[in-house]
Amino acid sequence: CFADESECGLKFKECADNNDCLKSLSCLARCGGDPTCSTGCFAAFGDDSVTGFMSCILEEKECLQFPKDPKLLGWLDDGDAAPKKMPGFKMDSMKGDWVKVYGLDSRYDCFECQQNRFRTEQDGGWRMDTTFRLPRPRGLSKLSVEPPLEPDTFKWPSSTKTPDTSYFQNDLTEEVLVDKEEAKPTMHTTGKTFGLTFWENYYIVGQGSDFQFVRYIGHTLQGGYKGSFVLARQDKLGPESLAEVKKIAKEQGLDFSEFCEVKNAACGTVKEGPKGSDIGEFVGDANKYVKFMFDRQVKVPK
């Protein structure tokens, strides 16, 4: 599996030539499979070489065994846990660019500078391009700006034109399959991030002229997760739309004060990035690094 000319062997050689990749592997080894800890490792040291190597050894060639449940391969029926989706949803209402403005799960929904683009392929299938960034120490050797995103895909200049090395930029594309009206989910998606494939059921539980309220239930082979977020056409909701979002949250049995307000104001600027001294002390300790990321998040005022 790790032979010099094998697929994973070539990816390991690429990783071995990159100090950040080696640091990431060392960090991941201490996580014991904990997904939150792993997020911290990828944020601090991750780049294209480590995600490619991890994907090869964990899923593509299965060189290494890790705790996984084969029953989690593919999409699942959420049963009684499925949120109540809005009726009469039209997929065309999702088309175009969105900014994530509020999120529920601090592990997944509150990353800074998140954007989503829903688009159709020539065959009529839907895709969702996603970008987000995580704070990281200055001076690391490489920043991830992965294909297939084009230079003008997102409005944050730092993500494509003048990369800000104080952040880890993560870009991915998900396949989107629209469900029938009688199905529980509104749509289901699949993609790959941090080396692992994920499958998610999306429930559009409310919408307005300038926002979409989304709940989701998803999993990788390592386990499940769920969350919720609000997409908007601009980087901030107006008071009328925000009142409507709060009303939908209450109807869904969600406490909107538990949501974070996603940091979008400084996106595309370098001067607002974190100073090296802010996070340098956490390098090598993924759990402390994750706590630092969570402490940066802004909760919705009660």
Protein backbone atom coordinates (compact mmCIF):
# COMPACT_ATOMS: atom_id res chain seq x y z
CA CYS A 1 0.00 0.00 0.00
CA PHE A 2 2.91 2.34 0.76
CA ALA A 3 5.20 1.10 -2.01
CA ASP A 4 7.13 3.91 -3.69
CA GLU A 5 5.17 3.76 -6.94
CA SER A 6 1.75 2.99 -5.48
CA GLU A 7 -0.92 5.66 -5.38
CA CYS A 8 -0.72 6.08 -1.61
CA GLY A 9 3.08 5.78 -1.71
CA LEU A 10 3.34 8.73 -4.10
CA LYS A 11 0.99 10.77 -1.94
CA PHE A 12 3.04 9.91 1.14
CA LYS A 13 6.21 11.09 -0.60
CA GLU A 14 4.46 14.38 -1.36
CA CYS A 15 3.44 14.61 2.29
CA ALA A 16 6.95 13.77 3.52
CA ASP A 17 8.32 16.72 1.55
CA ASN A 18 5.92 19.10 3.31
CA ASN A 19 6.60 19.94 6.96
CA ASP A 20 3.01 21.03 7.52
CA CYS A 21 1.73 17.66 6.31
CA LEU A 22 4.06 15.77 8.66
CA LYS A 23 2.97 17.97 11.57
CA SER A 24 -0.65 17.31 10.67
CA LEU A 25 -0.12 13.52 10.70
CA SER A 26 1.61 13.73 14.07
CA CYS A 27 -1.24 15.83 15.41
CA LEU A 28 -3.90 13.45 14.05
CA ALA A 29 -2.16 10.46 15.63
CA ARG A 30 -2.82 11.97 19.04
CA CYS A 31 -6.54 12.54 18.37
CA GLY A 32 -7.58 8.88 18.57
CA GLY A 33 -10.24 9.41 15.90
CA ASP A 34 -11.99 12.26 17.70
CA PRO A 35 -13.52 14.41 14.90
CA THR A 36 -13.31 17.73 16.76
CA CYS A 37 -9.66 17.17 17.56
CA SER A 38 -9.03 16.19 13.92
CA THR A 39 -10.62 19.45 12.77
CA GLY A 40 -8.08 21.31 14.89
CA CYS A 41 -5.21 19.40 13.28
CA PHE A 42 -6.42 20.14 9.76
CA ALA A 43 -6.98 23.79 10.66
CA ALA A 44 -3.50 24.20 12.13
CA PHE A 45 -1.49 22.23 9.58
CA GLY A 46 -3.76 20.91 6.81
CA ASP A 47 -3.25 21.41 3.09
CA ASP A 48 -3.89 19.54 -0.15
CA SER A 49 -1.14 16.98 0.47
CA VAL A 50 -2.45 15.79 3.83
CA THR A 51 -6.10 15.57 2.68
CA GLY A 52 -5.05 13.60 -0.40
CA PHE A 53 -2.89 11.22 1.62
CA MET A 54 -5.53 10.66 4.32
CA SER A 55 -8.23 10.02 1.73
CA CYS A 56 -6.02 7.44 0.03
CA ILE A 57 -5.07 5.45 3.13
CA LEU A 58 -8.44 5.62 4.91
CA GLU A 59 -11.04 5.25 2.15
CA GLU A 60 -9.61 4.67 -1.32
CA LYS A 61 -7.11 1.91 -0.50
CA GLU A 62 -7.98 1.27 3.17
CA CYS A 63 -4.31 0.94 4.11
CA LEU A 64 -5.08 1.77 7.73
CA GLN A 65 -7.93 0.54 9.84
CA PHE A 66 -9.84 3.12 11.86
CA PRO A 67 -13.07 2.93 13.87
CA LYS A 68 -15.87 2.87 11.30
CA ASP A 69 -19.35 1.50 10.91
CA PRO A 70 -20.12 -0.09 7.49
CA LYS A 71 -23.82 0.61 8.07
CA LEU A 72 -22.97 4.30 7.66
CA LEU A 73 -21.98 3.89 4.00
CA GLY A 74 -24.38 6.10 2.01
CA TRP A 75 -27.43 8.10 3.03
CA LEU A 76 -29.63 7.02 5.93
CA ASP A 77 -33.31 7.34 6.78
CA ASP A 78 -33.47 9.82 9.67
CA GLY A 79 -36.75 8.36 10.90
CA ASP A 80 -38.40 10.23 13.76
CA ALA A 81 -35.36 12.52 14.06
CA ALA A 82 -36.14 14.09 10.68
CA PRO A 83 -37.07 17.79 11.00
CA LYS A 84 -40.32 18.96 9.42
CA LYS A 85 -39.42 20.52 6.07
CA MET A 86 -41.38 23.34 4.45
CA PRO A 87 -43.89 22.28 1.77
CA GLY A 88 -43.77 23.43 -1.83
CA PHE A 89 -40.04 24.07 -1.93
CA LYS A 90 -38.59 24.95 -5.36
CA MET A 91 -34.94 24.12 -5.94
CA ASP A 92 -34.48 27.09 -8.26
CA SER A 93 -34.85 29.33 -5.21
CA MET A 94 -31.42 28.06 -4.07
CA LYS A 95 -29.60 28.92 -7.27
CA GLY A 96 -26.76 31.40 -7.01
CA ASP A 97 -24.49 32.68 -4.25
CA TRP A 98 -25.22 32.61 -0.52
CA VAL A 99 -23.38 33.63 2.64
CA LYS A 100 -23.76 31.62 5.84
CA VAL A 101 -24.78 34.13 8.52
CA TYR A 102 -25.91 31.96 11.46
CA GLY A 103 -25.00 28.43 12.56
CA LEU A 104 -25.99 26.06 15.35
CA ASP A 105 -23.22 23.47 15.76
CA SER A 106 -19.99 25.20 16.78
CA ARG A 107 -17.96 22.28 15.41
CA TYR A 108 -19.22 22.60 11.85
CA ASP A 109 -21.56 25.56 11.31
CA CYS A 110 -19.60 28.51 12.70
CA PHE A 111 -16.43 28.57 10.59
CA GLU A 112 -15.57 32.06 9.38
CA CYS A 113 -16.25 33.48 5.92
CA GLN A 114 -18.52 30.70 4.68
CA GLN A 115 -20.06 30.90 1.24
CA ASN A 116 -22.19 28.50 -0.78
CA ARG A 117 -22.96 28.53 -4.49
CA PHE A 118 -25.75 26.33 -5.86
CA ARG A 119 -25.44 25.69 -9.59
CA THR A 120 -26.53 23.20 -12.24
CA GLU A 121 -24.32 21.04 -14.44
CA GLN A 122 -24.88 20.47 -18.15
CA ASP A 123 -26.68 17.21 -17.37
CA GLY A 124 -29.13 19.09 -15.13
CA GLY A 125 -27.66 17.82 -11.86
CA TRP A 126 -27.11 20.22 -8.99
CA ARG A 127 -23.81 21.03 -7.29
CA MET A 128 -22.96 23.12 -4.26
CA ASP A 129 -19.57 24.85 -4.04
CA THR A 130 -18.56 25.68 -0.48
CA THR A 131 -15.73 27.67 1.00
CA PHE A 132 -14.81 28.44 4.61
CA ARG A 133 -11.69 29.32 6.52
CA LEU A 134 -10.13 28.51 9.88
CA PRO A 135 -7.60 30.65 11.78
CA ARG A 136 -4.09 29.23 11.73
CA PRO A 137 -0.54 30.29 12.69
CA ARG A 138 1.24 32.67 10.34
CA GLY A 139 4.21 31.49 8.33
CA LEU A 140 3.04 27.99 7.44
CA SER A 141 4.39 26.82 4.13
CA LYS A 142 1.25 26.34 2.06
CA LEU A 143 -2.35 27.47 1.79
CA SER A 144 -5.05 25.19 0.39
CA VAL A 145 -7.07 26.61 -2.49
CA GLU A 146 -8.35 23.46 -4.09
CA PRO A 147 -9.97 22.94 -7.50
CA PRO A 148 -12.59 22.92 -8.98
CA LEU A 149 -13.28 26.46 -7.76
CA GLU A 150 -12.52 29.21 -10.27
CA PRO A 151 -10.76 32.48 -9.36
CA ASP A 152 -14.01 34.47 -9.43
CA THR A 153 -16.14 31.90 -7.61
CA PHE A 154 -16.30 33.73 -4.30
CA LYS A 155 -16.18 37.39 -3.41
CA TRP A 156 -13.55 37.13 -0.67
CA PRO A 157 -10.34 38.24 -2.47
CA SER A 158 -8.14 36.47 0.08
CA SER A 159 -9.50 33.06 -0.93
CA THR A 160 -8.20 33.21 -4.48
CA LYS A 161 -6.19 36.32 -5.39
CA THR A 162 -4.19 37.41 -2.34
CA PRO A 163 -4.30 34.43 0.05
CA ASP A 164 -4.10 35.30 3.73
CA THR A 165 -1.76 32.74 5.29
CA SER A 166 -3.19 33.37 8.76
CA TYR A 167 -6.13 31.21 7.68
CA PHE A 168 -6.65 27.72 6.31
CA GLN A 169 -8.91 28.07 3.27
CA ASN A 170 -11.02 24.98 2.61
CA ASP A 171 -12.94 24.68 -0.66
CA LEU A 172 -15.09 21.74 -1.72
CA THR A 173 -17.87 20.79 -4.10
CA GLU A 174 -20.84 18.64 -3.07
CA GLU A 175 -23.18 16.65 -5.27
CA VAL A 176 -26.79 17.65 -4.55
CA LEU A 177 -29.73 15.34 -5.24
CA VAL A 178 -33.19 16.89 -4.94
CA ASP A 179 -35.79 14.74 -3.21
CA LYS A 180 -39.44 14.36 -4.15
CA GLU A 181 -42.08 16.31 -2.25
CA GLU A 182 -43.24 13.21 -0.37
CA ALA A 183 -39.73 12.36 0.86
CA LYS A 184 -38.61 13.42 4.32
CA PRO A 185 -35.54 15.47 3.27
CA THR A 186 -35.62 18.37 0.84
CA MET A 187 -32.38 17.18 -0.73
CA HIS A 188 -29.36 15.05 0.08
CA THR A 189 -25.72 15.80 -0.58
CA THR A 190 -22.34 14.09 -0.58
CA GLY A 191 -18.77 15.31 -0.76
CA LYS A 192 -15.37 14.88 0.83
CA THR A 193 -13.50 17.04 3.32
CA PHE A 194 -10.48 16.43 5.53
CA GLY A 195 -9.97 13.13 3.70
CA LEU A 196 -13.36 11.58 4.55
CA THR A 197 -16.56 11.22 2.52
CA PHE A 198 -19.71 12.60 4.12
CA TRP A 199 -23.40 12.07 3.38
CA GLU A 200 -25.99 14.62 4.51
CA ASN A 201 -29.77 15.00 4.39
CA TYR A 202 -30.85 18.64 4.02
CA TYR A 203 -34.19 19.93 5.29
CA ILE A 204 -35.23 23.41 4.17
CA VAL A 205 -37.49 24.37 7.05
CA GLY A 206 -38.18 27.96 6.03
CA GLN A 207 -37.20 30.67 3.59
CA GLY A 208 -37.68 34.32 2.74
CA SER A 209 -36.84 36.54 -0.19
CA ASP A 210 -33.23 36.81 0.99
CA PHE A 211 -32.60 33.76 3.21
CA GLN A 212 -32.84 29.97 3.49
CA PHE A 213 -33.18 28.22 6.88
CA VAL A 214 -31.52 24.79 6.68
CA ARG A 215 -31.38 21.85 9.09
CA TYR A 216 -29.28 18.81 8.28
CA ILE A 217 -28.38 15.35 9.56
CA GLY A 218 -25.19 13.76 8.26
CA HIS A 219 -22.39 11.32 8.90
CA THR A 220 -19.05 9.93 7.82
CA LEU A 221 -17.93 6.34 8.38
CA GLN A 222 -16.77 7.47 11.82
CA GLY A 223 -20.17 8.60 13.06
CA GLY A 224 -23.04 11.02 12.78
CA TYR A 225 -23.71 14.69 13.41
CA LYS A 226 -26.46 17.24 12.89
CA GLY A 227 -26.85 20.98 12.80
CA SER A 228 -28.56 23.97 11.31
CA PHE A 229 -27.63 27.19 9.55
CA VAL A 230 -29.08 30.21 7.81
CA LEU A 231 -27.96 31.29 4.34
CA ALA A 232 -28.45 34.86 3.15
CA ARG A 233 -27.87 36.75 -0.07
CA GLN A 234 -25.79 39.34 1.82
CA ASP A 235 -23.33 38.95 4.70
CA LYS A 236 -25.91 40.21 7.21
CA LEU A 237 -29.69 39.85 7.56
CA GLY A 238 -31.96 42.86 7.86
CA PRO A 239 -34.21 43.21 10.94
CA GLU A 240 -37.37 41.95 9.21
CA SER A 241 -35.68 38.83 7.85
CA LEU A 242 -33.97 38.19 11.19
CA ALA A 243 -37.34 38.34 12.97
CA GLU A 244 -38.70 35.81 10.49
CA VAL A 245 -35.70 33.52 11.05
CA LYS A 246 -36.22 33.65 14.82
CA LYS A 247 -39.88 32.76 14.33
CA ILE A 248 -38.96 29.72 12.20
CA ALA A 249 -36.40 28.61 14.80
CA LYS A 250 -39.06 28.74 17.52
CA GLU A 251 -41.50 26.75 15.38
CA GLN A 252 -38.77 24.14 14.87
CA GLY A 253 -38.15 23.89 18.62
CA LEU A 254 -34.69 25.49 18.30
CA ASP A 255 -33.27 28.04 20.72
CA PHE A 256 -31.92 30.75 18.44
CA SER A 257 -29.72 32.11 21.24
CA GLU A 258 -27.68 28.91 20.83
CA PHE A 259 -26.76 29.89 17.26
CA CYS A 260 -23.51 31.66 16.45
CA GLU A 261 -23.30 34.70 14.22
CA VAL A 262 -20.77 33.78 11.54
CA LYS A 263 -17.86 36.21 11.23
CA ASN A 264 -18.04 37.66 7.72
CA ALA A 265 -17.09 41.31 8.18
CA ALA A 266 -13.33 40.92 7.71
CA CYS A 267 -13.42 38.38 4.89
CA GLY A 268 -11.11 39.28 2.06
CA THR A 269 -8.80 41.39 4.20
CA VAL A 270 -5.38 40.52 5.57
CA LYS A 271 -5.13 43.17 8.25
CA GLU A 272 -7.98 41.63 10.26
CA GLY A 273 -6.31 38.22 10.42
CA PRO A 274 -5.12 36.85 13.79
CA LYS A 275 -1.61 37.68 14.94
CA GLY A 276 0.84 34.83 15.22
CA SER A 277 1.07 35.24 18.97
CA ASP A 278 -2.68 34.63 19.29
CA ILE A 279 -2.50 31.00 18.27
CA GLY A 280 1.16 30.02 18.18
CA GLU A 281 0.96 28.61 21.70
CA PHE A 282 -1.70 26.09 20.62
CA VAL A 283 0.27 24.55 17.77
CA GLY A 284 0.71 20.84 18.43
CA ASP A 285 -2.23 20.64 20.82
CA ALA A 286 -5.34 20.24 18.65
CA ASN A 287 -7.81 20.32 21.54
CA LYS A 288 -6.51 23.68 22.80
CA TYR A 289 -6.52 24.92 19.22
CA VAL A 290 -10.15 23.91 18.76
CA LYS A 291 -11.03 25.74 22.00
CA PHE A 292 -9.33 28.82 20.59
CA MET A 293 -11.45 28.60 17.43
CA PHE A 294 -14.63 28.18 19.48
CA ASP A 295 -13.72 31.17 21.68
CA ARG A 296 -13.53 33.31 18.53
CA GLN A 297 -17.15 32.54 17.67
CA VAL A 298 -19.85 35.13 18.33
CA LYS A 299 -23.10 33.95 19.92
CA VAL A 300 -26.41 35.53 18.98
CA PRO A 301 -27.46 38.07 21.66
CA LYS A 302 -30.43 36.96 23.73
